[in-house]
Amino acid sequence: MIARPLWLAAGAVCFVLGWVGMVLPIMPGFVFLLAAVFCFARSNPALERWMLEHPQFGPPLNDWFERRSISRKAKRSALLTMALAAALAVWMINWPVVLFPLGSMALVSLWLWTRSE
C-alpha cells in the first residue's frame, strides 16, 4: 500500500525535473518525462494517461513507447543543445576534466542519432 504514494512522489519529482530539463541545456528533460510516465503508470493511471495524451509532449512519449523512435526535429534540437553545452564546457572547465562531459555528450549524440525516426 505504501508503494503507490512513493511511485506518485517519484513521478511528480521526475515530472518537475523533466520540465526543468526542457529549459536548461545541461539537463535531459525527456528522460525525466519518460521516468514520470513509468512512475505514474504504477501509481496514478489518470496522470499517465494525461501525459500520454498531452498535445506537447504526448506524441514524442508515444513514439518512444510504441516504436522506440525519436523525431528528426527532436534529434536536431537535442544535438544543437548538446553542442552549445559542449562549447560552454570547453570554455568553463579545465583540461582534462572537460573530457568527461565531452565524451558523455559524444556518446549520447551517437546513440541518439542511431535511433529510428
PDB file of N, CA and C in Angstrom:
ATOM      1  N   MET A   1       0.814  -1.199   0.000  1.00  0.00           N
ATOM      2  CA  MET A   1       0.000   0.000   0.000  1.00  0.00           C
ATOM      3  C   MET A   1       0.854   1.257   0.000  1.00  0.00           C
ATOM      4  N   ILE A   2       2.009   1.212   0.644  1.00  0.00           N
ATOM      5  CA  ILE A   2       2.854   2.400   0.702  1.00  0.00           C
ATOM      6  C   ILE A   2       3.564   2.638  -0.636  1.00  0.00           C
ATOM      7  N   ALA A   3       3.631   1.632  -1.477  1.00  0.00           N
ATOM      8  CA  ALA A   3       4.348   1.768  -2.739  1.00  0.00           C
ATOM      9  C   ALA A   3       3.695   2.798  -3.658  1.00  0.00           C
ATOM     10  N   ARG A   4       2.374   2.836  -3.714  1.00  0.00           N
ATOM     11  CA  ARG A   4       1.707   3.788  -4.616  1.00  0.00           C
ATOM     12  C   ARG A   4       2.059   5.236  -4.307  1.00  0.00           C
ATOM     13  N   PRO A   5       2.027   5.663  -3.032  1.00  0.00           N
ATOM     14  CA  PRO A   5       2.434   7.043  -2.755  1.00  0.00           C
ATOM     15  C   PRO A   5       3.893   7.333  -3.125  1.00  0.00           C
ATOM     16  N   LEU A   6       4.765   6.328  -2.952  1.00  0.00           N
ATOM     17  CA  LEU A   6       6.170   6.521  -3.326  1.00  0.00           C
ATOM     18  C   LEU A   6       6.332   6.651  -4.832  1.00  0.00           C
ATOM     19  N   TRP A   7       5.607   5.811  -5.595  1.00  0.00           N
ATOM     20  CA  TRP A   7       5.635   5.928  -7.049  1.00  0.00           C
ATOM     21  C   TRP A   7       5.080   7.284  -7.498  1.00  0.00           C
ATOM     22  N   LEU A   8       4.012   7.730  -6.846  1.00  0.00           N
ATOM     23  CA  LEU A   8       3.417   9.021  -7.174  1.00  0.00           C
ATOM     24  C   LEU A   8       4.401  10.162  -6.890  1.00  0.00           C
ATOM     25  N   ALA A   9       5.061  10.108  -5.742  1.00  0.00           N
ATOM     26  CA  ALA A   9       6.046  11.136  -5.399  1.00  0.00           C
ATOM     27  C   ALA A   9       7.222  11.120  -6.382  1.00  0.00           C
ATOM     28  N   ALA A  10       7.689   9.935  -6.723  1.00  0.00           N
ATOM     29  CA  ALA A  10       8.785   9.825  -7.692  1.00  0.00           C
ATOM     30  C   ALA A  10       8.355  10.365  -9.050  1.00  0.00           C
ATOM     31  N   GLY A  11       7.117  10.072  -9.459  1.00  0.00           N
ATOM     32  CA  GLY A  11       6.607  10.592 -10.726  1.00  0.00           C
ATOM     33  C   GLY A  11       6.520  12.105 -10.716  1.00  0.00           C
ATOM     34  N   ALA A  12       6.078  12.669  -9.603  1.00  0.00           N
ATOM     35  CA  ALA A  12       5.978  14.133  -9.505  1.00  0.00           C
ATOM     36  C   ALA A  12       7.363  14.771  -9.579  1.00  0.00           C
ATOM     37  N   VAL A  13       8.328  14.192  -8.884  1.00  0.00           N
ATOM     38  CA  VAL A  13       9.692  14.721  -8.931  1.00  0.00           C
ATOM     39  C   VAL A  13      10.255  14.623 -10.344  1.00  0.00           C
ATOM     40  N   CYS A  14      10.060  13.484 -10.993  1.00  0.00           N
ATOM     41  CA  CYS A  14      10.549  13.311 -12.366  1.00  0.00           C
ATOM     42  C   CYS A  14       9.868  14.277 -13.325  1.00  0.00           C
ATOM     43  N   PHE A  15       8.578  14.508 -13.109  1.00  0.00           N
ATOM     44  CA  PHE A  15       7.851  15.441 -13.973  1.00  0.00           C
ATOM     45  C   PHE A  15       8.430  16.849 -13.841  1.00  0.00           C
ATOM     46  N   VAL A  16       8.666  17.290 -12.620  1.00  0.00           N
ATOM     47  CA  VAL A  16       9.249  18.621 -12.394  1.00  0.00           C
ATOM     48  C   VAL A  16      10.654  18.694 -12.995  1.00  0.00           C
ATOM     49  N   LEU A  17      11.458  17.660 -12.771  1.00  0.00           N
ATOM     50  CA  LEU A  17      12.802  17.642 -13.352  1.00  0.00           C
ATOM     51  C   LEU A  17      12.745  17.635 -14.882  1.00  0.00           C
ATOM     52  N   GLY A  18      11.734  16.978 -15.449  1.00  0.00           N
ATOM     53  CA  GLY A  18      11.561  16.984 -16.900  1.00  0.00           C
ATOM     54  C   GLY A  18      11.294  18.380 -17.428  1.00  0.00           C
ATOM     55  N   TRP A  19      10.458  19.120 -16.731  1.00  0.00           N
ATOM     56  CA  TRP A  19      10.169  20.499 -17.159  1.00  0.00           C
ATOM     57  C   TRP A  19      11.396  21.381 -17.000  1.00  0.00           C
ATOM     58  N   VAL A  20      12.134  21.197 -15.922  1.00  0.00           N
ATOM     59  CA  VAL A  20      13.372  21.964 -15.745  1.00  0.00           C
ATOM     60  C   VAL A  20      14.345  21.620 -16.869  1.00  0.00           C
ATOM     61  N   GLY A  21      14.419  20.347 -17.214  1.00  0.00           N
ATOM     62  CA  GLY A  21      15.305  19.910 -18.288  1.00  0.00           C
ATOM     63  C   GLY A  21      14.914  20.431 -19.657  1.00  0.00           C
ATOM     64  N   MET A  22      13.657  20.770 -19.839  1.00  0.00           N
ATOM     65  CA  MET A  22      13.240  21.350 -21.120  1.00  0.00           C
ATOM     66  C   MET A  22      13.780  22.772 -21.282  1.00  0.00           C
ATOM     67  N   VAL A  23      14.107  23.406 -20.166  1.00  0.00           N
ATOM     68  CA  VAL A  23      14.593  24.786 -20.190  1.00  0.00           C
ATOM     69  C   VAL A  23      16.117  24.846 -20.137  1.00  0.00           C
ATOM     70  N   LEU A  24      16.730  23.987 -19.318  1.00  0.00           N
ATOM     71  CA  LEU A  24      18.175  24.014 -19.149  1.00  0.00           C
ATOM     72  C   LEU A  24      18.858  23.101 -20.164  1.00  0.00           C
ATOM     73  N   PRO A  25      19.849  23.609 -20.879  1.00  0.00           N
ATOM     74  CA  PRO A  25      20.508  22.789 -21.899  1.00  0.00           C
ATOM     75  C   PRO A  25      21.396  21.693 -21.327  1.00  0.00           C
ATOM     76  N   ILE A  26      21.723  21.754 -20.038  1.00  0.00           N
ATOM     77  CA  ILE A  26      22.642  20.759 -19.483  1.00  0.00           C
ATOM     78  C   ILE A  26      21.922  19.601 -18.810  1.00  0.00           C
ATOM     79  N   MET A  27      20.589  19.604 -18.885  1.00  0.00           N
ATOM     80  CA  MET A  27      19.818  18.568 -18.194  1.00  0.00           C
ATOM     81  C   MET A  27      18.864  17.879 -19.170  1.00  0.00           C
ATOM     82  N   PRO A  28      18.831  16.560 -19.195  1.00  0.00           N
ATOM     83  CA  PRO A  28      17.984  15.844 -20.155  1.00  0.00           C
ATOM     84  C   PRO A  28      16.518  15.796 -19.719  1.00  0.00           C
ATOM     85  N   GLY A  29      15.699  16.670 -20.242  1.00  0.00           N
ATOM     86  CA  GLY A  29      14.300  16.749 -19.829  1.00  0.00           C
ATOM     87  C   GLY A  29      13.464  15.547 -20.227  1.00  0.00           C
ATOM     88  N   PHE A  30      13.640  15.054 -21.444  1.00  0.00           N
ATOM     89  CA  PHE A  30      12.790  13.985 -21.949  1.00  0.00           C
ATOM     90  C   PHE A  30      12.951  12.701 -21.149  1.00  0.00           C
ATOM     91  N   VAL A  31      14.166  12.428 -20.704  1.00  0.00           N
ATOM     92  CA  VAL A  31      14.422  11.214 -19.915  1.00  0.00           C
ATOM     93  C   VAL A  31      13.593  11.243 -18.635  1.00  0.00           C
ATOM     94  N   PHE A  32      13.513  12.415 -18.011  1.00  0.00           N
ATOM     95  CA  PHE A  32      12.733  12.525 -16.782  1.00  0.00           C
ATOM     96  C   PHE A  32      11.236  12.411 -17.059  1.00  0.00           C
ATOM     97  N   LEU A  33      10.783  12.895 -18.216  1.00  0.00           N
ATOM     98  CA  LEU A  33       9.369  12.721 -18.562  1.00  0.00           C
ATOM     99  C   LEU A  33       9.043  11.247 -18.787  1.00  0.00           C
ATOM    100  N   LEU A  34       9.966  10.514 -19.409  1.00  0.00           N
ATOM    101  CA  LEU A  34       9.781   9.065 -19.565  1.00  0.00           C
ATOM    102  C   LEU A  34       9.686   8.387 -18.195  1.00  0.00           C
ATOM    103  N   ALA A  35      10.547   8.786 -17.289  1.00  0.00           N
ATOM    104  CA  ALA A  35      10.524   8.216 -15.940  1.00  0.00           C
ATOM    105  C   ALA A  35       9.225   8.574 -15.218  1.00  0.00           C
ATOM    106  N   ALA A  36       8.729   9.793 -15.443  1.00  0.00           N
ATOM    107  CA  ALA A  36       7.472  10.203 -14.804  1.00  0.00           C
ATOM    108  C   ALA A  36       6.315   9.338 -15.288  1.00  0.00           C
ATOM    109  N   VAL A  37       6.255   9.078 -16.590  1.00  0.00           N
ATOM    110  CA  VAL A  37       5.193   8.214 -17.126  1.00  0.00           C
ATOM    111  C   VAL A  37       5.302   6.819 -16.508  1.00  0.00           C
ATOM    112  N   PHE A  38       6.510   6.307 -16.406  1.00  0.00           N
ATOM    113  CA  PHE A  38       6.745   5.000 -15.800  1.00  0.00           C
ATOM    114  C   PHE A  38       6.217   4.968 -14.365  1.00  0.00           C
ATOM    115  N   CYS A  39       6.546   5.996 -13.593  1.00  0.00           N
ATOM    116  CA  CYS A  39       6.104   6.048 -12.188  1.00  0.00           C
ATOM    117  C   CYS A  39       4.593   6.229 -12.088  1.00  0.00           C
ATOM    118  N   PHE A  40       4.026   7.096 -12.920  1.00  0.00           N
ATOM    119  CA  PHE A  40       2.586   7.328 -12.866  1.00  0.00           C
ATOM    120  C   PHE A  40       1.804   6.092 -13.288  1.00  0.00           C
ATOM    121  N   ALA A  41       2.377   5.272 -14.161  1.00  0.00           N
ATOM    122  CA  ALA A  41       1.709   4.036 -14.563  1.00  0.00           C
ATOM    123  C   ALA A  41       1.531   3.100 -13.373  1.00  0.00           C
ATOM    124  N   ARG A  42       2.396   3.217 -12.395  1.00  0.00           N
ATOM    125  CA  ARG A  42       2.336   2.361 -11.212  1.00  0.00           C
ATOM    126  C   ARG A  42       1.595   2.996 -10.043  1.00  0.00           C
ATOM    127  N   SER A  43       1.248   4.287 -10.176  1.00  0.00           N
ATOM    128  CA  SER A  43       0.611   4.960  -9.039  1.00  0.00           C
ATOM    129  C   SER A  43      -0.703   5.639  -9.391  1.00  0.00           C
ATOM    130  N   ASN A  44      -0.774   6.273 -10.558  1.00  0.00           N
ATOM    131  CA  ASN A  44      -1.948   7.046 -10.919  1.00  0.00           C
ATOM    132  C   ASN A  44      -2.168   6.975 -12.431  1.00  0.00           C
ATOM    133  N   PRO A  45      -2.934   6.011 -12.909  1.00  0.00           N
ATOM    134  CA  PRO A  45      -3.146   5.861 -14.347  1.00  0.00           C
ATOM    135  C   PRO A  45      -3.739   7.111 -15.018  1.00  0.00           C
ATOM    136  N   ALA A  46      -4.473   7.911 -14.261  1.00  0.00           N
ATOM    137  CA  ALA A  46      -5.030   9.139 -14.846  1.00  0.00           C
ATOM    138  C   ALA A  46      -3.919  10.114 -15.216  1.00  0.00           C
ATOM    139  N   LEU A  47      -2.895  10.237 -14.381  1.00  0.00           N
ATOM    140  CA  LEU A  47      -1.762  11.104 -14.705  1.00  0.00           C
ATOM    141  C   LEU A  47      -0.948  10.534 -15.861  1.00  0.00           C
ATOM    142  N   GLU A  48      -0.796   9.229 -15.890  1.00  0.00           N
ATOM    143  CA  GLU A  48      -0.103   8.594 -17.016  1.00  0.00           C
ATOM    144  C   GLU A  48      -0.838   8.903 -18.318  1.00  0.00           C
ATOM    145  N   ARG A  49      -2.142   8.721 -18.310  1.00  0.00           N
ATOM    146  CA  ARG A  49      -2.950   8.986 -19.499  1.00  0.00           C
ATOM    147  C   ARG A  49      -2.863  10.462 -19.893  1.00  0.00           C
ATOM    148  N   TRP A  50      -2.913  11.353 -18.891  1.00  0.00           N
ATOM    149  CA  TRP A  50      -2.819  12.785 -19.176  1.00  0.00           C
ATOM    150  C   TRP A  50      -1.503  13.123 -19.880  1.00  0.00           C
ATOM    151  N   MET A  51      -0.403  12.534 -19.405  1.00  0.00           N
ATOM    152  CA  MET A  51       0.888  12.805 -20.029  1.00  0.00           C
ATOM    153  C   MET A  51       0.945  12.254 -21.450  1.00  0.00           C
ATOM    154  N   LEU A  52       0.430  11.050 -21.643  1.00  0.00           N
ATOM    155  CA  LEU A  52       0.475  10.436 -22.975  1.00  0.00           C
ATOM    156  C   LEU A  52      -0.468  11.114 -23.962  1.00  0.00           C
ATOM    157  N   GLU A  53      -1.490  11.799 -23.463  1.00  0.00           N
ATOM    158  CA  GLU A  53      -2.439  12.492 -24.339  1.00  0.00           C
ATOM    159  C   GLU A  53      -2.166  13.996 -24.429  1.00  0.00           C
ATOM    160  N   HIS A  54      -1.155  14.477 -23.710  1.00  0.00           N
ATOM    161  CA  HIS A  54      -0.839  15.901 -23.724  1.00  0.00           C
ATOM    162  C   HIS A  54      -0.419  16.320 -25.135  1.00  0.00           C
ATOM    163  N   PRO A  55      -0.908  17.468 -25.631  1.00  0.00           N
ATOM    164  CA  PRO A  55      -0.596  17.861 -27.011  1.00  0.00           C
ATOM    165  C   PRO A  55       0.882  18.154 -27.261  1.00  0.00           C
ATOM    166  N   GLN A  56       1.604  18.606 -26.260  1.00  0.00           N
ATOM    167  CA  GLN A  56       3.001  18.970 -26.478  1.00  0.00           C
ATOM    168  C   GLN A  56       3.949  17.789 -26.327  1.00  0.00           C
ATOM    169  N   PHE A  57       3.911  17.095 -25.206  1.00  0.00           N
ATOM    170  CA  PHE A  57       4.878  16.016 -25.013  1.00  0.00           C
ATOM    171  C   PHE A  57       4.278  14.631 -25.111  1.00  0.00           C
ATOM    172  N   GLY A  58       2.997  14.518 -25.386  1.00  0.00           N
ATOM    173  CA  GLY A  58       2.378  13.212 -25.592  1.00  0.00           C
ATOM    174  C   GLY A  58       2.885  12.493 -26.836  1.00  0.00           C
ATOM    175  N   PRO A  59       2.901  13.176 -28.004  1.00  0.00           N
ATOM    176  CA  PRO A  59       3.367  12.488 -29.220  1.00  0.00           C
ATOM    177  C   PRO A  59       4.792  11.932 -29.128  1.00  0.00           C
ATOM    178  N   PRO A  60       5.786  12.705 -28.619  1.00  0.00           N
ATOM    179  CA  PRO A  60       7.112  12.079 -28.528  1.00  0.00           C
ATOM    180  C   PRO A  60       7.175  10.930 -27.527  1.00  0.00           C
ATOM    181  N   LEU A  61       6.419  11.041 -26.438  1.00  0.00           N
ATOM    182  CA  LEU A  61       6.387   9.931 -25.481  1.00  0.00           C
ATOM    183  C   LEU A  61       5.779   8.687 -26.118  1.00  0.00           C
ATOM    184  N   ASN A  62       4.682   8.863 -26.830  1.00  0.00           N
ATOM    185  CA  ASN A  62       4.050   7.724 -27.504  1.00  0.00           C
ATOM    186  C   ASN A  62       4.958   7.131 -28.566  1.00  0.00           C
ATOM    187  N   ASP A  63       5.664   7.987 -29.334  1.00  0.00           N
ATOM    188  CA  ASP A  63       6.613   7.478 -30.331  1.00  0.00           C
ATOM    189  C   ASP A  63       7.658   6.593 -29.676  1.00  0.00           C
ATOM    190  N   TRP A  64       8.146   7.020 -28.516  1.00  0.00           N
ATOM    191  CA  TRP A  64       9.174   6.238 -27.842  1.00  0.00           C
ATOM    192  C   TRP A  64       8.612   4.922 -27.321  1.00  0.00           C
ATOM    193  N   PHE A  65       7.459   4.970 -26.653  1.00  0.00           N
ATOM    194  CA  PHE A  65       6.903   3.754 -26.064  1.00  0.00           C
ATOM    195  C   PHE A  65       6.420   2.761 -27.120  1.00  0.00           C
ATOM    196  N   GLU A  66       5.919   3.252 -28.245  1.00  0.00           N
ATOM    197  CA  GLU A  66       5.371   2.353 -29.268  1.00  0.00           C
ATOM    198  C   GLU A  66       6.431   1.833 -30.229  1.00  0.00           C
ATOM    199  N   ARG A  67       7.377   2.700 -30.656  1.00  0.00           N
ATOM    200  CA  ARG A  67       8.327   2.306 -31.693  1.00  0.00           C
ATOM    201  C   ARG A  67       9.787   2.544 -31.341  1.00  0.00           C
ATOM    202  N   ARG A  68      10.040   3.041 -30.113  1.00  0.00           N
ATOM    203  CA  ARG A  68      11.405   3.400 -29.717  1.00  0.00           C
ATOM    204  C   ARG A  68      12.022   4.358 -30.737  1.00  0.00           C
ATOM    205  N   SER A  69      11.232   5.329 -31.196  1.00  0.00           N
ATOM    206  CA  SER A  69      11.702   6.268 -32.205  1.00  0.00           C
ATOM    207  C   SER A  69      11.710   7.695 -31.666  1.00  0.00           C
ATOM    208  N   ILE A  70      12.570   8.516 -32.282  1.00  0.00           N
ATOM    209  CA  ILE A  70      12.705   9.921 -31.926  1.00  0.00           C
ATOM    210  C   ILE A  70      12.634  10.719 -33.224  1.00  0.00           C
ATOM    211  N   SER A  71      11.821  11.762 -33.237  1.00  0.00           N
ATOM    212  CA  SER A  71      11.659  12.545 -34.461  1.00  0.00           C
ATOM    213  C   SER A  71      12.955  13.244 -34.838  1.00  0.00           C
ATOM    214  N   ARG A  72      13.100  13.524 -36.129  1.00  0.00           N
ATOM    215  CA  ARG A  72      14.294  14.220 -36.618  1.00  0.00           C
ATOM    216  C   ARG A  72      14.409  15.603 -35.985  1.00  0.00           C
ATOM    217  N   LYS A  73      13.286  16.274 -35.808  1.00  0.00           N
ATOM    218  CA  LYS A  73      13.286  17.597 -35.194  1.00  0.00           C
ATOM    219  C   LYS A  73      13.811  17.521 -33.751  1.00  0.00           C
ATOM    220  N   ALA A  74      13.374  16.516 -33.002  1.00  0.00           N
ATOM    221  CA  ALA A  74      13.838  16.347 -31.626  1.00  0.00           C
ATOM    222  C   ALA A  74      15.327  16.009 -31.592  1.00  0.00           C
ATOM    223  N   LYS A  75      15.775  15.192 -32.524  1.00  0.00           N
ATOM    224  CA  LYS A  75      17.195  14.859 -32.589  1.00  0.00           C
ATOM    225  C   LYS A  75      18.029  16.112 -32.842  1.00  0.00           C
ATOM    226  N   ARG A  76      17.611  16.897 -33.827  1.00  0.00           N
ATOM    227  CA  ARG A  76      18.352  18.126 -34.144  1.00  0.00           C
ATOM    228  C   ARG A  76      18.391  19.068 -32.953  1.00  0.00           C
ATOM    229  N   SER A  77      17.267  19.217 -32.304  1.00  0.00           N
ATOM    230  CA  SER A  77      17.190  20.100 -31.140  1.00  0.00           C
ATOM    231  C   SER A  77      18.119  19.617 -30.027  1.00  0.00           C
ATOM    232  N   ALA A  78      18.099  18.318 -29.750  1.00  0.00           N
ATOM    233  CA  ALA A  78      18.959  17.761 -28.701  1.00  0.00           C
ATOM    234  C   ALA A  78      20.430  17.907 -29.073  1.00  0.00           C
ATOM    235  N   LEU A  79      20.767  17.642 -30.322  1.00  0.00           N
ATOM    236  CA  LEU A  79      22.163  17.737 -30.736  1.00  0.00           C
ATOM    237  C   LEU A  79      22.659  19.181 -30.707  1.00  0.00           C
ATOM    238  N   LEU A  80      21.825  20.118 -31.111  1.00  0.00           N
ATOM    239  CA  LEU A  80      22.199  21.528 -31.055  1.00  0.00           C
ATOM    240  C   LEU A  80      22.408  21.973 -29.611  1.00  0.00           C
ATOM    241  N   THR A  81      21.504  21.558 -28.739  1.00  0.00           N
ATOM    242  CA  THR A  81      21.629  21.917 -27.330  1.00  0.00           C
ATOM    243  C   THR A  81      22.893  21.313 -26.728  1.00  0.00           C
ATOM    244  N   MET A  82      23.193  20.062 -27.073  1.00  0.00           N
ATOM    245  CA  MET A  82      24.408  19.438 -26.551  1.00  0.00           C
ATOM    246  C   MET A  82      25.658  20.112 -27.111  1.00  0.00           C
ATOM    247  N   ALA A  83      25.610  20.548 -28.372  1.00  0.00           N
ATOM    248  CA  ALA A  83      26.759  21.259 -28.948  1.00  0.00           C
ATOM    249  C   ALA A  83      26.997  22.578 -28.218  1.00  0.00           C
ATOM    250  N   LEU A  84      25.920  23.291 -27.902  1.00  0.00           N
ATOM    251  CA  LEU A  84      26.067  24.532 -27.137  1.00  0.00           C
ATOM    252  C   LEU A  84      26.601  24.252 -25.739  1.00  0.00           C
ATOM    253  N   ALA A  85      26.107  23.195 -25.101  1.00  0.00           N
ATOM    254  CA  ALA A  85      26.599  22.823 -23.774  1.00  0.00           C
ATOM    255  C   ALA A  85      28.070  22.398 -23.838  1.00  0.00           C
ATOM    256  N   ALA A  86      28.458  21.722 -24.914  1.00  0.00           N
ATOM    257  CA  ALA A  86      29.859  21.311 -25.080  1.00  0.00           C
ATOM    258  C   ALA A  86      30.757  22.534 -25.236  1.00  0.00           C
ATOM    259  N   ALA A  87      30.309  23.508 -26.021  1.00  0.00           N
ATOM    260  CA  ALA A  87      31.092  24.735 -26.185  1.00  0.00           C
ATOM    261  C   ALA A  87      31.238  25.459 -24.853  1.00  0.00           C
ATOM    262  N   LEU A  88      30.176  25.498 -24.091  1.00  0.00           N
ATOM    263  CA  LEU A  88      30.219  26.128 -22.775  1.00  0.00           C
ATOM    264  C   LEU A  88      31.159  25.358 -21.841  1.00  0.00           C
ATOM    265  N   ALA A  89      31.144  24.045 -21.913  1.00  0.00           N
ATOM    266  CA  ALA A  89      32.023  23.220 -21.080  1.00  0.00           C
ATOM    267  C   ALA A  89      33.486  23.463 -21.432  1.00  0.00           C
ATOM    268  N   VAL A  90      33.790  23.535 -22.727  1.00  0.00           N
ATOM    269  CA  VAL A  90      35.170  23.790 -23.147  1.00  0.00           C
ATOM    270  C   VAL A  90      35.638  25.146 -22.627  1.00  0.00           C
ATOM    271  N   TRP A  91      34.746  26.102 -22.613  1.00  0.00           N
ATOM    272  CA  TRP A  91      35.088  27.452 -22.157  1.00  0.00           C
ATOM    273  C   TRP A  91      35.254  27.521 -20.638  1.00  0.00           C
ATOM    274  N   MET A  92      34.462  26.731 -19.891  1.00  0.00           N
ATOM    275  CA  MET A  92      34.424  26.892 -18.440  1.00  0.00           C
ATOM    276  C   MET A  92      35.177  25.830 -17.635  1.00  0.00           C
ATOM    277  N   ILE A  93      35.459  24.678 -18.229  1.00  0.00           N
ATOM    278  CA  ILE A  93      36.059  23.574 -17.471  1.00  0.00           C
ATOM    279  C   ILE A  93      37.497  23.349 -17.929  1.00  0.00           C
ATOM    280  N   ASN A  94      38.358  23.113 -16.983  1.00  0.00           N
ATOM    281  CA  ASN A  94      39.777  22.915 -17.283  1.00  0.00           C
ATOM    282  C   ASN A  94      40.032  21.570 -17.944  1.00  0.00           C
ATOM    283  N   TRP A  95      41.141  21.536 -18.698  1.00  0.00           N
ATOM    284  CA  TRP A  95      41.614  20.315 -19.316  1.00  0.00           C
ATOM    285  C   TRP A  95      42.268  19.470 -18.249  1.00  0.00           C
ATOM    286  N   PRO A  96      42.187  18.225 -18.127  1.00  0.00           N
ATOM    287  CA  PRO A  96      41.494  17.208 -18.891  1.00  0.00           C
ATOM    288  C   PRO A  96      40.108  16.881 -18.351  1.00  0.00           C
ATOM    289  N   VAL A  97      39.659  17.608 -17.326  1.00  0.00           N
ATOM    290  CA  VAL A  97      38.348  17.328 -16.730  1.00  0.00           C
ATOM    291  C   VAL A  97      37.244  17.492 -17.761  1.00  0.00           C
ATOM    292  N   VAL A  98      37.432  18.402 -18.710  1.00  0.00           N
ATOM    293  CA  VAL A  98      36.403  18.660 -19.722  1.00  0.00           C
ATOM    294  C   VAL A  98      36.171  17.441 -20.616  1.00  0.00           C
ATOM    295  N   LEU A  99      37.104  16.522 -20.647  1.00  0.00           N
ATOM    296  CA  LEU A  99      36.934  15.337 -21.499  1.00  0.00           C
ATOM    297  C   LEU A  99      35.752  14.473 -21.068  1.00  0.00           C
ATOM    298  N   PHE A 100      35.444  14.438 -19.771  1.00  0.00           N
ATOM    299  CA  PHE A 100      34.316  13.621 -19.309  1.00  0.00           C
ATOM    300  C   PHE A 100      32.988  14.124 -19.871  1.00  0.00           C
ATOM    301  N   PRO A 101      32.611  15.408 -19.710  1.00  0.00           N
ATOM    302  CA  PRO A 101      31.342  15.841 -20.300  1.00  0.00           C
ATOM    303  C   PRO A 101      31.345  15.774 -21.826  1.00  0.00           C
ATOM    304  N   LEU A 102      32.480  16.072 -22.447  1.00  0.00           N
ATOM    305  CA  LEU A 102      32.536  15.998 -23.911  1.00  0.00           C
ATOM    306  C   LEU A 102      32.359  14.566 -24.396  1.00  0.00           C
ATOM    307  N   GLY A 103      33.018  13.630 -23.728  1.00  0.00           N
ATOM    308  CA  GLY A 103      32.870  12.222 -24.104  1.00  0.00           C
ATOM    309  C   GLY A 103      31.457  11.723 -23.875  1.00  0.00           C
ATOM    310  N   SER A 104      30.871  12.120 -22.751  1.00  0.00           N
ATOM    311  CA  SER A 104      29.492  11.718 -22.453  1.00  0.00           C
ATOM    312  C   SER A 104      28.534  12.245 -23.511  1.00  0.00           C
ATOM    313  N   MET A 105      28.681  13.522 -23.848  1.00  0.00           N
ATOM    314  CA  MET A 105      27.795  14.103 -24.867  1.00  0.00           C
ATOM    315  C   MET A 105      28.017  13.458 -26.230  1.00  0.00           C
ATOM    316  N   ALA A 106      29.257  13.111 -26.555  1.00  0.00           N
ATOM    317  CA  ALA A 106      29.525  12.451 -27.834  1.00  0.00           C
ATOM    318  C   ALA A 106      28.842  11.084 -27.891  1.00  0.00           C
ATOM    319  N   LEU A 107      28.928  10.323 -26.799  1.00  0.00           N
ATOM    320  CA  LEU A 107      28.275   9.010 -26.772  1.00  0.00           C
ATOM    321  C   LEU A 107      26.752   9.131 -26.850  1.00  0.00           C
ATOM    322  N   VAL A 108      26.192  10.069 -26.112  1.00  0.00           N
ATOM    323  CA  VAL A 108      24.734  10.272 -26.158  1.00  0.00           C
ATOM    324  C   VAL A 108      24.309  10.723 -27.548  1.00  0.00           C
ATOM    325  N   SER A 109      25.085  11.601 -28.169  1.00  0.00           N
ATOM    326  CA  SER A 109      24.757  12.072 -29.523  1.00  0.00           C
ATOM    327  C   SER A 109      24.766  10.923 -30.522  1.00  0.00           C
ATOM    328  N   LEU A 110      25.774  10.080 -30.425  1.00  0.00           N
ATOM    329  CA  LEU A 110      25.848   8.916 -31.315  1.00  0.00           C
ATOM    330  C   LEU A 110      24.653   7.998 -31.111  1.00  0.00           C
ATOM    331  N   TRP A 111      24.331   7.704 -29.854  1.00  0.00           N
ATOM    332  CA  TRP A 111      23.176   6.846 -29.563  1.00  0.00           C
ATOM    333  C   TRP A 111      21.898   7.486 -30.082  1.00  0.00           C
ATOM    334  N   LEU A 112      21.735   8.771 -29.846  1.00  0.00           N
ATOM    335  CA  LEU A 112      20.535   9.481 -30.247  1.00  0.00           C
ATOM    336  C   LEU A 112      20.343   9.436 -31.759  1.00  0.00           C
ATOM    337  N   TRP A 113      21.421   9.693 -32.498  1.00  0.00           N
ATOM    338  CA  TRP A 113      21.308   9.750 -33.952  1.00  0.00           C
ATOM    339  C   TRP A 113      21.024   8.380 -34.563  1.00  0.00           C
ATOM    340  N   THR A 114      21.358   7.313 -33.857  1.00  0.00           N
ATOM    341  CA  THR A 114      21.122   5.977 -34.400  1.00  0.00           C
ATOM    342  C   THR A 114      19.707   5.458 -34.117  1.00  0.00           C
ATOM    343  N   ARG A 115      18.894   6.189 -33.366  1.00  0.00           N
ATOM    344  CA  ARG A 115      17.505   5.784 -33.120  1.00  0.00           C
ATOM    345  C   ARG A 115      16.686   6.015 -34.373  1.00  0.00           C
ATOM    346  N   SER A 116      15.668   5.200 -34.562  1.00  0.00           N
ATOM    347  CA  SER A 116      14.792   5.353 -35.733  1.00  0.00           C
ATOM    348  C   SER A 116      13.947   6.616 -35.602  1.00  0.00           C
ATOM    349  N   GLU A 117      13.421   7.048 -36.742  1.00  0.00           N
ATOM    350  CA  GLU A 117      12.612   8.267 -36.760  1.00  0.00           C
ATOM    351  C   GLU A 117      11.145   7.952 -36.980  1.00  0.00           C
TER     352      GLU A 117
END
